């Protein structure tokens, strides 16, 4: 926990961008009977019946100090999919960076091993050395700012029925573009000193025995 909080206190450095990465599933639903005609003073209404069209995944990368985020819609959330997101960060999002300071949770796919599962060893190593890993603790994924941003995405864009992956990709791209144009940053206030005070119960108790 303190490791992540200390990373959040680092000043902005374009050569070593701090990026938070997280993913979230989204169930796809259609409304076979469609929506009801709009009426003045009424909210949009739709039939209660719906049809399921499977589940897809959203990877969200957030650079909080720059106010930039990117959302990729994928069919799955395997180690291979995660590795492809890492390659995109290294080669396309930050090709000039010396190292990407990556904050993610400790899901079993979130490791350097995912790169070796997807790419040949030489390529996997090339990507791995460009990433500085920092993990949120177990039951502490709320420390990942990307999870906070996914919550905003859910409220502003995903809290309705979306029928297919293509529509979902279009919707999240529009949301992403607007947020990036506004350069919405994250003003993280919770520090390691705060943790030592407010989360004191999580720290081990050091007992000093008397010399008696």
N, C-alpha and C. Protein backbone atom coordinates (compact mmCIF):
# COMPACT_ATOMS: atom_id res chain seq x y z
N UNK A 1 0.81 -1.20 0.00
CA UNK A 1 0.00 0.00 0.00
C UNK A 1 0.86 1.26 0.00
N UNK A 2 1.83 1.30 0.88
CA UNK A 2 2.67 2.50 0.96
C UNK A 2 3.50 2.67 -0.31
N UNK A 3 3.88 1.57 -0.93
CA UNK A 3 4.63 1.66 -2.17
C UNK A 3 3.82 2.39 -3.24
N UNK A 4 2.56 2.01 -3.40
CA UNK A 4 1.70 2.67 -4.39
C UNK A 4 1.48 4.13 -4.02
N UNK A 5 1.24 4.40 -2.76
CA UNK A 5 0.99 5.78 -2.33
C UNK A 5 2.21 6.66 -2.56
N UNK A 6 3.39 6.11 -2.38
CA UNK A 6 4.60 6.88 -2.65
C UNK A 6 4.77 7.15 -4.15
N UNK A 7 4.39 6.20 -4.97
CA UNK A 7 4.42 6.40 -6.42
C UNK A 7 3.50 7.56 -6.81
N UNK A 8 2.34 7.63 -6.17
CA UNK A 8 1.39 8.70 -6.48
C UNK A 8 1.91 10.09 -6.09
N UNK A 9 2.92 10.14 -5.24
CA UNK A 9 3.47 11.43 -4.82
C UNK A 9 4.60 11.90 -5.75
N UNK A 10 4.98 11.09 -6.70
CA UNK A 10 6.06 11.49 -7.60
C UNK A 10 5.62 12.63 -8.51
N UNK A 11 6.51 13.56 -8.83
CA UNK A 11 6.16 14.64 -9.76
C UNK A 11 6.01 14.10 -11.18
N UNK A 12 5.33 14.85 -12.01
CA UNK A 12 5.12 14.44 -13.39
C UNK A 12 6.44 14.36 -14.14
N UNK A 13 6.65 13.27 -14.84
CA UNK A 13 7.86 13.06 -15.61
C UNK A 13 7.48 12.39 -16.93
N UNK A 14 7.50 13.12 -18.04
CA UNK A 14 7.08 12.53 -19.33
C UNK A 14 7.96 11.38 -19.77
N UNK A 15 9.19 11.31 -19.26
CA UNK A 15 10.07 10.20 -19.61
C UNK A 15 9.77 8.95 -18.79
N UNK A 16 9.09 9.12 -17.67
CA UNK A 16 8.71 7.99 -16.82
C UNK A 16 7.24 8.17 -16.42
N UNK A 17 6.32 8.09 -17.37
CA UNK A 17 4.91 8.33 -17.07
C UNK A 17 4.36 7.28 -16.10
N UNK A 18 3.56 7.73 -15.16
CA UNK A 18 2.90 6.83 -14.22
C UNK A 18 1.51 6.52 -14.79
N UNK A 19 1.27 5.24 -15.05
CA UNK A 19 0.04 4.79 -15.68
C UNK A 19 -0.64 3.75 -14.81
N UNK A 20 -1.93 3.93 -14.58
CA UNK A 20 -2.73 2.95 -13.85
C UNK A 20 -3.53 2.14 -14.87
N UNK A 21 -3.56 0.84 -14.68
CA UNK A 21 -4.23 -0.05 -15.64
C UNK A 21 -5.16 -1.00 -14.89
N UNK A 22 -6.38 -1.13 -15.41
CA UNK A 22 -7.35 -2.03 -14.79
C UNK A 22 -8.32 -2.50 -15.87
N UNK A 23 -9.11 -3.52 -15.55
CA UNK A 23 -10.09 -4.02 -16.50
C UNK A 23 -11.41 -4.29 -15.82
N UNK A 24 -12.46 -4.38 -16.65
CA UNK A 24 -13.82 -4.57 -16.13
C UNK A 24 -14.66 -5.27 -17.20
N UNK A 25 -15.50 -6.19 -16.77
CA UNK A 25 -16.39 -6.89 -17.69
C UNK A 25 -17.67 -6.08 -17.90
N UNK A 26 -18.27 -6.25 -19.07
CA UNK A 26 -19.54 -5.59 -19.38
C UNK A 26 -20.44 -6.59 -20.09
N UNK A 27 -21.59 -6.87 -19.49
CA UNK A 27 -22.57 -7.75 -20.11
C UNK A 27 -23.30 -7.00 -21.21
N UNK A 28 -23.52 -7.67 -22.33
CA UNK A 28 -24.20 -7.05 -23.47
C UNK A 28 -25.66 -7.50 -23.49
N UNK A 29 -26.57 -6.52 -23.59
CA UNK A 29 -28.00 -6.81 -23.60
C UNK A 29 -28.68 -5.99 -24.69
N UNK A 30 -29.64 -6.59 -25.34
CA UNK A 30 -30.46 -5.89 -26.32
C UNK A 30 -31.90 -5.84 -25.82
N UNK A 31 -32.69 -4.96 -26.39
CA UNK A 31 -34.10 -4.83 -26.04
C UNK A 31 -34.92 -5.23 -27.26
N UNK A 32 -35.38 -6.49 -27.35
CA UNK A 32 -36.05 -6.96 -28.56
C UNK A 32 -37.27 -6.13 -28.95
N UNK A 33 -38.03 -5.66 -27.98
CA UNK A 33 -39.25 -4.90 -28.29
C UNK A 33 -38.98 -3.41 -28.46
N UNK A 34 -37.71 -3.02 -28.31
CA UNK A 34 -37.36 -1.62 -28.53
C UNK A 34 -37.75 -0.71 -27.38
N UNK A 35 -37.63 0.59 -27.61
CA UNK A 35 -37.96 1.59 -26.60
C UNK A 35 -39.33 2.20 -26.89
N UNK A 36 -39.92 2.78 -25.88
CA UNK A 36 -41.21 3.44 -26.03
C UNK A 36 -41.02 4.86 -26.54
N UNK A 37 -41.98 5.41 -27.26
CA UNK A 37 -41.85 6.77 -27.78
C UNK A 37 -41.61 7.78 -26.65
N UNK A 38 -40.75 8.75 -26.92
CA UNK A 38 -40.46 9.79 -25.93
C UNK A 38 -41.67 10.70 -25.77
N UNK A 39 -41.92 11.12 -24.53
CA UNK A 39 -43.01 12.04 -24.22
C UNK A 39 -42.45 13.21 -23.44
N UNK A 40 -42.99 14.43 -23.63
CA UNK A 40 -42.49 15.59 -22.87
C UNK A 40 -42.55 15.34 -21.37
N UNK A 41 -41.45 15.64 -20.69
CA UNK A 41 -41.40 15.50 -19.24
C UNK A 41 -41.16 14.09 -18.75
N UNK A 42 -40.95 13.14 -19.67
CA UNK A 42 -40.72 11.76 -19.26
C UNK A 42 -39.32 11.31 -19.64
N UNK A 43 -38.75 10.46 -18.83
CA UNK A 43 -37.46 9.87 -19.16
C UNK A 43 -37.64 8.81 -20.24
N UNK A 44 -36.54 8.44 -20.89
CA UNK A 44 -36.58 7.39 -21.89
C UNK A 44 -37.03 6.09 -21.24
N UNK A 45 -37.96 5.37 -21.90
CA UNK A 45 -38.49 4.13 -21.36
C UNK A 45 -38.25 2.99 -22.34
N UNK A 46 -38.01 1.81 -21.78
CA UNK A 46 -37.82 0.63 -22.61
C UNK A 46 -38.51 -0.56 -21.98
N UNK A 47 -38.83 -1.56 -22.79
CA UNK A 47 -39.50 -2.75 -22.31
C UNK A 47 -38.59 -3.49 -21.33
N UNK A 48 -39.19 -4.15 -20.35
CA UNK A 48 -38.40 -4.85 -19.34
C UNK A 48 -37.72 -6.08 -19.92
N UNK A 49 -38.25 -6.64 -21.02
CA UNK A 49 -37.66 -7.83 -21.61
C UNK A 49 -36.33 -7.48 -22.29
N UNK A 50 -35.36 -8.34 -22.12
CA UNK A 50 -34.06 -8.13 -22.76
C UNK A 50 -33.48 -9.45 -23.23
N UNK A 51 -32.54 -9.35 -24.16
CA UNK A 51 -31.85 -10.53 -24.69
C UNK A 51 -30.36 -10.41 -24.37
N UNK A 52 -29.77 -11.49 -23.89
CA UNK A 52 -28.34 -11.49 -23.57
C UNK A 52 -27.50 -11.75 -24.83
N UNK A 53 -26.41 -11.04 -24.93
CA UNK A 53 -25.49 -11.22 -26.06
C UNK A 53 -24.06 -11.41 -25.59
N UNK A 54 -23.91 -12.08 -24.47
CA UNK A 54 -22.57 -12.40 -23.99
C UNK A 54 -21.94 -11.29 -23.17
N UNK A 55 -20.64 -11.43 -22.97
CA UNK A 55 -19.87 -10.51 -22.13
C UNK A 55 -18.59 -10.15 -22.87
N UNK A 56 -18.17 -8.90 -22.75
CA UNK A 56 -16.86 -8.50 -23.26
C UNK A 56 -16.10 -7.77 -22.15
N UNK A 57 -14.91 -7.32 -22.47
CA UNK A 57 -14.04 -6.76 -21.45
C UNK A 57 -13.55 -5.38 -21.86
N UNK A 58 -13.32 -4.54 -20.87
CA UNK A 58 -12.76 -3.21 -21.12
C UNK A 58 -11.47 -3.06 -20.33
N UNK A 59 -10.38 -2.76 -21.02
CA UNK A 59 -9.12 -2.38 -20.39
C UNK A 59 -9.06 -0.85 -20.37
N UNK A 60 -8.78 -0.28 -19.20
CA UNK A 60 -8.66 1.17 -19.09
C UNK A 60 -7.27 1.53 -18.58
N UNK A 61 -6.55 2.32 -19.35
CA UNK A 61 -5.26 2.86 -18.94
C UNK A 61 -5.45 4.33 -18.63
N UNK A 62 -4.92 4.77 -17.50
CA UNK A 62 -5.09 6.16 -17.05
C UNK A 62 -3.75 6.74 -16.64
N UNK A 63 -3.43 7.89 -17.22
CA UNK A 63 -2.28 8.66 -16.74
C UNK A 63 -2.85 9.85 -15.98
N UNK A 64 -3.02 9.74 -14.68
CA UNK A 64 -3.78 10.74 -13.91
C UNK A 64 -3.18 12.13 -13.90
N UNK A 65 -1.84 12.25 -13.93
CA UNK A 65 -1.23 13.57 -13.84
C UNK A 65 -1.38 14.35 -15.14
N UNK A 66 -1.58 13.66 -16.25
CA UNK A 66 -1.74 14.32 -17.54
C UNK A 66 -3.20 14.46 -17.93
N UNK A 67 -4.08 13.77 -17.24
CA UNK A 67 -5.48 13.84 -17.60
C UNK A 67 -5.79 13.10 -18.88
N UNK A 68 -5.16 11.94 -19.06
CA UNK A 68 -5.34 11.15 -20.28
C UNK A 68 -5.72 9.73 -19.92
N UNK A 69 -6.66 9.18 -20.71
CA UNK A 69 -7.06 7.80 -20.52
C UNK A 69 -7.37 7.18 -21.87
N UNK A 70 -7.29 5.85 -21.92
CA UNK A 70 -7.62 5.11 -23.13
C UNK A 70 -8.33 3.83 -22.73
N UNK A 71 -9.41 3.52 -23.46
CA UNK A 71 -10.20 2.32 -23.16
C UNK A 71 -10.20 1.42 -24.38
N UNK A 72 -9.84 0.16 -24.20
CA UNK A 72 -9.87 -0.83 -25.27
C UNK A 72 -10.89 -1.91 -24.93
N UNK A 73 -11.77 -2.20 -25.87
CA UNK A 73 -12.78 -3.24 -25.71
C UNK A 73 -12.25 -4.52 -26.33
N UNK A 74 -12.23 -5.59 -25.56
CA UNK A 74 -11.74 -6.88 -26.03
C UNK A 74 -12.78 -7.96 -25.74
N UNK A 75 -12.62 -9.09 -26.44
CA UNK A 75 -13.56 -10.19 -26.24
C UNK A 75 -13.31 -10.90 -24.92
N UNK A 76 -12.03 -10.89 -24.46
CA UNK A 76 -11.68 -11.63 -23.25
C UNK A 76 -10.74 -10.80 -22.37
N UNK A 77 -10.37 -11.38 -21.23
CA UNK A 77 -9.45 -10.72 -20.31
C UNK A 77 -8.37 -11.69 -19.83
N UNK A 78 -7.79 -12.42 -20.76
CA UNK A 78 -6.78 -13.42 -20.43
C UNK A 78 -5.41 -12.76 -20.29
N UNK A 79 -4.41 -13.58 -19.93
CA UNK A 79 -3.04 -13.08 -19.84
C UNK A 79 -2.55 -12.57 -21.19
N UNK A 80 -2.96 -13.24 -22.26
CA UNK A 80 -2.57 -12.81 -23.61
C UNK A 80 -3.15 -11.43 -23.92
N UNK A 81 -4.42 -11.21 -23.56
CA UNK A 81 -5.04 -9.90 -23.78
C UNK A 81 -4.33 -8.82 -22.98
N UNK A 82 -3.96 -9.16 -21.75
CA UNK A 82 -3.25 -8.19 -20.92
C UNK A 82 -1.89 -7.87 -21.51
N UNK A 83 -1.20 -8.89 -22.01
CA UNK A 83 0.11 -8.67 -22.63
C UNK A 83 0.01 -7.74 -23.83
N UNK A 84 -1.06 -7.87 -24.59
CA UNK A 84 -1.24 -7.01 -25.75
C UNK A 84 -1.47 -5.56 -25.33
N UNK A 85 -2.13 -5.36 -24.20
CA UNK A 85 -2.29 -4.01 -23.68
C UNK A 85 -0.93 -3.42 -23.27
N UNK A 86 -0.08 -4.25 -22.67
CA UNK A 86 1.25 -3.78 -22.28
C UNK A 86 2.07 -3.38 -23.51
N UNK A 87 2.00 -4.21 -24.56
CA UNK A 87 2.74 -3.87 -25.78
C UNK A 87 2.25 -2.57 -26.37
N UNK A 88 0.93 -2.36 -26.35
CA UNK A 88 0.36 -1.11 -26.87
C UNK A 88 0.85 0.08 -26.06
N UNK A 89 0.92 -0.05 -24.74
CA UNK A 89 1.42 1.04 -23.91
C UNK A 89 2.87 1.37 -24.27
N UNK A 90 3.70 0.34 -24.40
CA UNK A 90 5.13 0.55 -24.65
C UNK A 90 5.38 1.10 -26.04
N UNK A 91 4.75 0.51 -27.06
CA UNK A 91 5.11 0.83 -28.44
C UNK A 91 4.27 1.93 -29.07
N UNK A 92 3.04 2.10 -28.61
CA UNK A 92 2.15 3.06 -29.27
C UNK A 92 1.79 4.25 -28.38
N UNK A 93 1.45 3.99 -27.14
CA UNK A 93 1.07 5.09 -26.27
C UNK A 93 2.27 5.89 -25.78
N UNK A 94 3.38 5.19 -25.45
CA UNK A 94 4.56 5.86 -24.88
C UNK A 94 5.85 5.38 -25.54
N UNK A 95 5.98 5.54 -26.84
CA UNK A 95 7.19 5.04 -27.52
C UNK A 95 8.46 5.76 -27.12
N UNK A 96 8.36 7.00 -26.61
CA UNK A 96 9.54 7.78 -26.24
C UNK A 96 9.89 7.66 -24.77
N UNK A 97 9.08 6.96 -24.01
CA UNK A 97 9.32 6.85 -22.56
C UNK A 97 10.52 5.96 -22.27
N UNK A 98 11.29 6.36 -21.26
CA UNK A 98 12.38 5.51 -20.81
C UNK A 98 11.84 4.30 -20.07
N UNK A 99 10.79 4.51 -19.29
CA UNK A 99 10.18 3.43 -18.53
C UNK A 99 8.76 3.87 -18.18
N UNK A 100 7.84 2.92 -18.22
CA UNK A 100 6.46 3.17 -17.81
C UNK A 100 6.29 2.69 -16.38
N UNK A 101 5.91 3.58 -15.49
CA UNK A 101 5.66 3.24 -14.09
C UNK A 101 4.22 2.75 -14.01
N UNK A 102 4.03 1.45 -13.90
CA UNK A 102 2.71 0.83 -14.02
C UNK A 102 2.14 0.46 -12.66
N UNK A 103 0.91 0.91 -12.39
CA UNK A 103 0.18 0.55 -11.18
C UNK A 103 -0.99 -0.34 -11.59
N UNK A 104 -1.06 -1.52 -11.01
CA UNK A 104 -2.16 -2.44 -11.31
C UNK A 104 -2.44 -3.28 -10.08
N UNK A 105 -3.55 -4.02 -10.11
CA UNK A 105 -3.82 -4.91 -8.98
C UNK A 105 -3.06 -6.22 -9.18
N UNK A 106 -3.17 -7.10 -8.21
CA UNK A 106 -2.35 -8.32 -8.24
C UNK A 106 -3.09 -9.53 -8.79
N UNK A 107 -3.93 -9.32 -9.78
CA UNK A 107 -4.58 -10.42 -10.49
C UNK A 107 -3.50 -11.33 -11.07
N UNK A 108 -3.77 -12.63 -11.14
CA UNK A 108 -2.73 -13.57 -11.54
C UNK A 108 -2.25 -13.38 -12.98
N UNK A 109 -3.01 -12.68 -13.82
CA UNK A 109 -2.56 -12.41 -15.18
C UNK A 109 -1.69 -11.17 -15.28
N UNK A 110 -1.62 -10.39 -14.21
CA UNK A 110 -0.89 -9.12 -14.23
C UNK A 110 0.58 -9.32 -13.83
N UNK A 111 1.30 -10.03 -14.65
CA UNK A 111 2.71 -10.29 -14.38
C UNK A 111 3.50 -10.24 -15.68
N UNK A 112 4.82 -10.18 -15.53
CA UNK A 112 5.70 -10.23 -16.70
C UNK A 112 5.51 -11.54 -17.46
N UNK A 113 5.10 -12.59 -16.76
CA UNK A 113 4.90 -13.89 -17.42
C UNK A 113 3.88 -13.80 -18.55
N UNK A 114 2.93 -12.88 -18.44
CA UNK A 114 1.94 -12.74 -19.51
C UNK A 114 2.60 -12.37 -20.83
N UNK A 115 3.67 -11.58 -20.77
CA UNK A 115 4.39 -11.19 -21.98
C UNK A 115 5.03 -12.41 -22.65
N UNK A 116 5.58 -13.31 -21.84
CA UNK A 116 6.22 -14.50 -22.39
C UNK A 116 5.19 -15.50 -22.91
N UNK A 117 3.97 -15.42 -22.40
CA UNK A 117 2.90 -16.28 -22.92
C UNK A 117 2.43 -15.81 -24.29
N UNK A 118 2.54 -14.51 -24.52
CA UNK A 118 2.05 -13.94 -25.80
C UNK A 118 3.15 -13.79 -26.85
N UNK A 119 4.37 -13.44 -26.43
CA UNK A 119 5.42 -13.10 -27.38
C UNK A 119 6.63 -14.02 -27.23
N UNK A 120 7.47 -14.01 -28.28
CA UNK A 120 8.73 -14.75 -28.23
C UNK A 120 9.61 -14.16 -27.13
N UNK A 121 10.51 -14.94 -26.52
CA UNK A 121 11.29 -14.47 -25.38
C UNK A 121 12.01 -13.13 -25.61
N UNK A 122 12.62 -12.95 -26.76
CA UNK A 122 13.36 -11.71 -27.02
C UNK A 122 12.43 -10.51 -27.01
N UNK A 123 11.26 -10.66 -27.64
CA UNK A 123 10.28 -9.56 -27.68
C UNK A 123 9.68 -9.33 -26.29
N UNK A 124 9.39 -10.40 -25.58
CA UNK A 124 8.83 -10.27 -24.23
C UNK A 124 9.80 -9.52 -23.32
N UNK A 125 11.08 -9.85 -23.44
CA UNK A 125 12.09 -9.18 -22.61
C UNK A 125 12.21 -7.71 -22.97
N UNK A 126 12.13 -7.40 -24.26
CA UNK A 126 12.20 -6.00 -24.69
C UNK A 126 11.09 -5.18 -24.05
N UNK A 127 9.91 -5.76 -24.00
CA UNK A 127 8.77 -5.05 -23.40
C UNK A 127 8.89 -5.00 -21.87
N UNK A 128 9.33 -6.10 -21.28
CA UNK A 128 9.39 -6.20 -19.82
C UNK A 128 10.31 -5.15 -19.21
N UNK A 129 11.45 -4.89 -19.84
CA UNK A 129 12.42 -3.95 -19.26
C UNK A 129 11.93 -2.51 -19.34
N UNK A 130 10.86 -2.27 -20.08
CA UNK A 130 10.32 -0.91 -20.20
C UNK A 130 9.26 -0.61 -19.12
N UNK A 131 8.98 -1.61 -18.27
CA UNK A 131 7.89 -1.45 -17.31
C UNK A 131 8.40 -1.59 -15.88
N UNK A 132 8.03 -0.62 -15.04
CA UNK A 132 8.31 -0.67 -13.60
C UNK A 132 7.00 -0.99 -12.89
N UNK A 133 6.91 -2.16 -12.28
CA UNK A 133 5.65 -2.66 -11.74
C UNK A 133 5.43 -2.18 -10.30
N UNK A 134 4.18 -1.83 -10.01
CA UNK A 134 3.75 -1.53 -8.64
C UNK A 134 2.34 -2.11 -8.47
N UNK A 135 2.16 -2.91 -7.43
CA UNK A 135 0.90 -3.61 -7.22
C UNK A 135 0.13 -3.06 -6.02
N UNK A 136 -1.18 -2.95 -6.18
CA UNK A 136 -2.02 -2.66 -5.01
C UNK A 136 -2.11 -3.94 -4.18
N UNK A 137 -2.30 -3.82 -2.87
CA UNK A 137 -2.38 -5.02 -2.02
C UNK A 137 -3.70 -5.76 -2.21
N UNK A 138 -3.75 -6.99 -1.72
CA UNK A 138 -5.01 -7.74 -1.72
C UNK A 138 -6.08 -6.95 -0.98
N UNK A 139 -7.29 -6.97 -1.52
CA UNK A 139 -8.43 -6.23 -0.95
C UNK A 139 -8.16 -4.72 -0.94
N UNK A 140 -7.20 -4.27 -1.75
CA UNK A 140 -6.89 -2.84 -1.80
C UNK A 140 -6.90 -2.30 -3.22
N UNK A 141 -7.73 -2.90 -4.08
CA UNK A 141 -7.76 -2.45 -5.47
C UNK A 141 -8.29 -1.02 -5.59
N UNK A 142 -8.95 -0.52 -4.54
CA UNK A 142 -9.43 0.87 -4.56
C UNK A 142 -8.27 1.85 -4.63
N UNK A 143 -7.06 1.38 -4.34
CA UNK A 143 -5.88 2.24 -4.45
C UNK A 143 -5.46 2.46 -5.90
N UNK A 144 -6.01 1.69 -6.81
CA UNK A 144 -5.69 1.86 -8.23
C UNK A 144 -6.61 2.93 -8.81
N UNK A 145 -6.03 4.05 -9.25
CA UNK A 145 -6.84 5.14 -9.78
C UNK A 145 -7.61 4.74 -11.03
N UNK A 146 -7.13 3.73 -11.75
CA UNK A 146 -7.86 3.26 -12.92
C UNK A 146 -9.21 2.67 -12.51
N UNK A 147 -9.27 2.05 -11.33
CA UNK A 147 -10.55 1.52 -10.85
C UNK A 147 -11.53 2.65 -10.58
N UNK A 148 -11.03 3.76 -10.05
CA UNK A 148 -11.88 4.93 -9.83
C UNK A 148 -12.41 5.46 -11.16
N UNK A 149 -11.54 5.49 -12.17
CA UNK A 149 -11.96 5.97 -13.48
C UNK A 149 -12.96 5.02 -14.13
N UNK A 150 -12.80 3.73 -13.92
CA UNK A 150 -13.78 2.77 -14.42
C UNK A 150 -15.15 2.99 -13.77
N UNK A 151 -15.15 3.40 -12.52
CA UNK A 151 -16.40 3.71 -11.84
C UNK A 151 -17.09 4.90 -12.50
N UNK A 152 -16.31 5.92 -12.88
CA UNK A 152 -16.87 7.07 -13.59
C UNK A 152 -17.43 6.63 -14.94
N UNK A 153 -16.67 5.80 -15.66
CA UNK A 153 -17.12 5.28 -16.94
C UNK A 153 -18.44 4.54 -16.79
N UNK A 154 -18.54 3.74 -15.74
CA UNK A 154 -19.77 2.99 -15.51
C UNK A 154 -20.97 3.90 -15.30
N UNK A 155 -20.80 4.94 -14.49
CA UNK A 155 -21.91 5.85 -14.21
C UNK A 155 -22.29 6.69 -15.42
N UNK A 156 -21.30 7.17 -16.15
CA UNK A 156 -21.57 8.12 -17.23
C UNK A 156 -21.89 7.46 -18.57
N UNK A 157 -21.49 6.20 -18.74
CA UNK A 157 -21.60 5.62 -20.07
C UNK A 157 -22.20 4.22 -20.11
N UNK A 158 -21.96 3.41 -19.11
CA UNK A 158 -22.29 1.99 -19.20
C UNK A 158 -23.53 1.57 -18.44
N UNK A 159 -24.18 2.48 -17.75
CA UNK A 159 -25.31 2.12 -16.90
C UNK A 159 -26.60 2.02 -17.72
N UNK A 160 -26.57 1.26 -18.80
CA UNK A 160 -27.72 1.05 -19.67
C UNK A 160 -27.45 -0.18 -20.52
N UNK A 161 -28.44 -0.58 -21.26
CA UNK A 161 -28.28 -1.75 -22.12
C UNK A 161 -27.50 -1.37 -23.39
N UNK A 162 -26.46 -2.15 -23.65
CA UNK A 162 -25.67 -1.98 -24.86
C UNK A 162 -25.66 -3.32 -25.58
N UNK A 163 -26.08 -3.36 -26.86
CA UNK A 163 -26.36 -4.65 -27.50
C UNK A 163 -25.17 -5.44 -27.99
N UNK A 164 -24.06 -4.77 -28.39
CA UNK A 164 -22.97 -5.51 -29.01
C UNK A 164 -21.65 -4.81 -28.76
N UNK A 165 -20.57 -5.52 -29.09
CA UNK A 165 -19.22 -5.02 -28.84
C UNK A 165 -18.91 -3.77 -29.66
N UNK A 166 -19.40 -3.73 -30.90
CA UNK A 166 -19.14 -2.58 -31.76
C UNK A 166 -19.75 -1.31 -31.18
N UNK A 167 -21.00 -1.41 -30.74
CA UNK A 167 -21.67 -0.24 -30.13
C UNK A 167 -20.96 0.18 -28.86
N UNK A 168 -20.56 -0.80 -28.07
CA UNK A 168 -19.83 -0.49 -26.83
C UNK A 168 -18.54 0.26 -27.14
N UNK A 169 -17.79 -0.19 -28.15
CA UNK A 169 -16.53 0.47 -28.51
C UNK A 169 -16.78 1.91 -28.94
N UNK A 170 -17.84 2.15 -29.70
CA UNK A 170 -18.17 3.51 -30.14
C UNK A 170 -18.52 4.40 -28.95
N UNK A 171 -19.28 3.86 -28.03
CA UNK A 171 -19.72 4.65 -26.87
C UNK A 171 -18.55 5.01 -25.96
N UNK A 172 -17.69 4.05 -25.67
CA UNK A 172 -16.57 4.35 -24.76
C UNK A 172 -15.55 5.26 -25.44
N UNK A 173 -15.42 5.17 -26.76
CA UNK A 173 -14.51 6.08 -27.48
C UNK A 173 -15.01 7.52 -27.37
N UNK A 174 -16.32 7.72 -27.49
CA UNK A 174 -16.87 9.07 -27.35
C UNK A 174 -16.65 9.59 -25.94
N UNK A 175 -16.85 8.74 -24.94
CA UNK A 175 -16.63 9.13 -23.54
C UNK A 175 -15.16 9.47 -23.32
N UNK A 176 -14.27 8.61 -23.80
CA UNK A 176 -12.84 8.81 -23.66
C UNK A 176 -12.39 10.12 -24.31
N UNK A 177 -12.87 10.40 -25.51
CA UNK A 177 -12.48 11.61 -26.23
C UNK A 177 -12.89 12.87 -25.47
N UNK A 178 -14.10 12.85 -24.93
CA UNK A 178 -14.57 14.03 -24.18
C UNK A 178 -13.76 14.25 -22.92
N UNK A 179 -13.48 13.16 -22.19
CA UNK A 179 -12.69 13.29 -20.95
C UNK A 179 -11.28 13.77 -21.25
N UNK A 180 -10.70 13.29 -22.35
CA UNK A 180 -9.34 13.70 -22.70
C UNK A 180 -9.29 15.15 -23.17
N UNK A 181 -10.30 15.57 -23.90
CA UNK A 181 -10.35 16.97 -24.33
C UNK A 181 -10.43 17.91 -23.13
N UNK A 182 -11.16 17.48 -22.11
CA UNK A 182 -11.28 18.28 -20.89
C UNK A 182 -10.04 18.14 -20.00
N UNK A 183 -9.16 17.17 -20.32
CA UNK A 183 -7.96 16.90 -19.54
C UNK A 183 -8.29 16.72 -18.06
N UNK A 184 -9.23 15.83 -17.80
CA UNK A 184 -9.67 15.55 -16.43
C UNK A 184 -8.58 14.78 -15.71
N UNK A 185 -7.97 15.42 -14.74
CA UNK A 185 -6.90 14.80 -13.96
C UNK A 185 -7.45 14.22 -12.66
N UNK A 186 -6.59 13.61 -11.89
CA UNK A 186 -6.97 13.05 -10.59
C UNK A 186 -6.12 13.71 -9.52
N UNK A 187 -6.77 14.33 -8.57
CA UNK A 187 -6.06 14.98 -7.46
C UNK A 187 -6.09 14.03 -6.27
N UNK A 188 -5.11 13.13 -6.23
CA UNK A 188 -5.07 12.09 -5.18
C UNK A 188 -4.55 12.69 -3.88
N UNK A 189 -5.32 12.57 -2.82
CA UNK A 189 -5.00 13.19 -1.55
C UNK A 189 -4.50 12.23 -0.48
N UNK A 190 -4.83 10.95 -0.62
CA UNK A 190 -4.52 9.97 0.41
C UNK A 190 -3.04 9.60 0.34
N UNK A 191 -2.29 9.81 1.43
CA UNK A 191 -0.84 9.57 1.45
C UNK A 191 -0.49 8.44 2.41
N UNK A 192 0.78 8.06 2.40
CA UNK A 192 1.25 7.04 3.33
C UNK A 192 1.08 7.49 4.77
N UNK A 193 1.30 8.77 5.04
CA UNK A 193 1.11 9.28 6.40
C UNK A 193 -0.35 9.15 6.81
N UNK A 194 -1.28 9.42 5.89
CA UNK A 194 -2.70 9.24 6.19
C UNK A 194 -3.00 7.77 6.50
N UNK A 195 -2.39 6.88 5.72
CA UNK A 195 -2.63 5.45 5.92
C UNK A 195 -2.18 5.02 7.32
N UNK A 196 -1.04 5.52 7.77
CA UNK A 196 -0.51 5.12 9.07
C UNK A 196 -1.41 5.60 10.21
N UNK A 197 -2.20 6.65 9.93
CA UNK A 197 -3.11 7.17 10.95
C UNK A 197 -4.50 6.54 10.84
N UNK A 198 -5.08 6.60 9.64
CA UNK A 198 -6.46 6.16 9.46
C UNK A 198 -6.60 4.65 9.34
N UNK A 199 -5.55 3.97 8.87
CA UNK A 199 -5.60 2.52 8.72
C UNK A 199 -4.61 1.85 9.67
N UNK A 200 -4.48 2.42 10.83
CA UNK A 200 -3.52 1.92 11.82
C UNK A 200 -3.74 0.46 12.16
N UNK A 201 -5.02 0.03 12.11
CA UNK A 201 -5.35 -1.35 12.47
C UNK A 201 -4.74 -2.36 11.51
N UNK A 202 -4.37 -1.93 10.31
CA UNK A 202 -3.81 -2.84 9.32
C UNK A 202 -2.32 -3.10 9.53
N UNK A 203 -1.69 -2.28 10.34
CA UNK A 203 -0.25 -2.42 10.56
C UNK A 203 0.03 -3.37 11.71
N UNK A 204 1.11 -4.12 11.63
CA UNK A 204 1.45 -5.03 12.75
C UNK A 204 1.82 -4.24 13.99
N UNK A 205 1.55 -4.81 15.13
CA UNK A 205 1.89 -4.19 16.41
C UNK A 205 3.26 -4.69 16.84
N UNK A 206 4.18 -3.78 17.03
CA UNK A 206 5.54 -4.14 17.44
C UNK A 206 5.58 -4.13 18.96
N UNK A 207 5.88 -5.27 19.56
CA UNK A 207 5.96 -5.38 21.02
C UNK A 207 7.42 -5.39 21.43
N UNK A 208 7.78 -4.44 22.26
CA UNK A 208 9.16 -4.35 22.74
C UNK A 208 9.19 -4.92 24.16
N UNK A 209 9.94 -5.99 24.33
CA UNK A 209 10.02 -6.61 25.65
C UNK A 209 11.04 -5.86 26.52
N UNK A 210 10.70 -5.74 27.78
CA UNK A 210 11.59 -5.04 28.70
C UNK A 210 12.87 -5.82 28.95
N UNK A 211 13.91 -5.11 29.31
CA UNK A 211 15.20 -5.78 29.55
C UNK A 211 15.22 -6.53 30.87
N UNK A 212 14.18 -6.18 31.78
CA UNK A 212 13.95 -6.86 33.03
C UNK A 212 15.14 -7.40 33.66
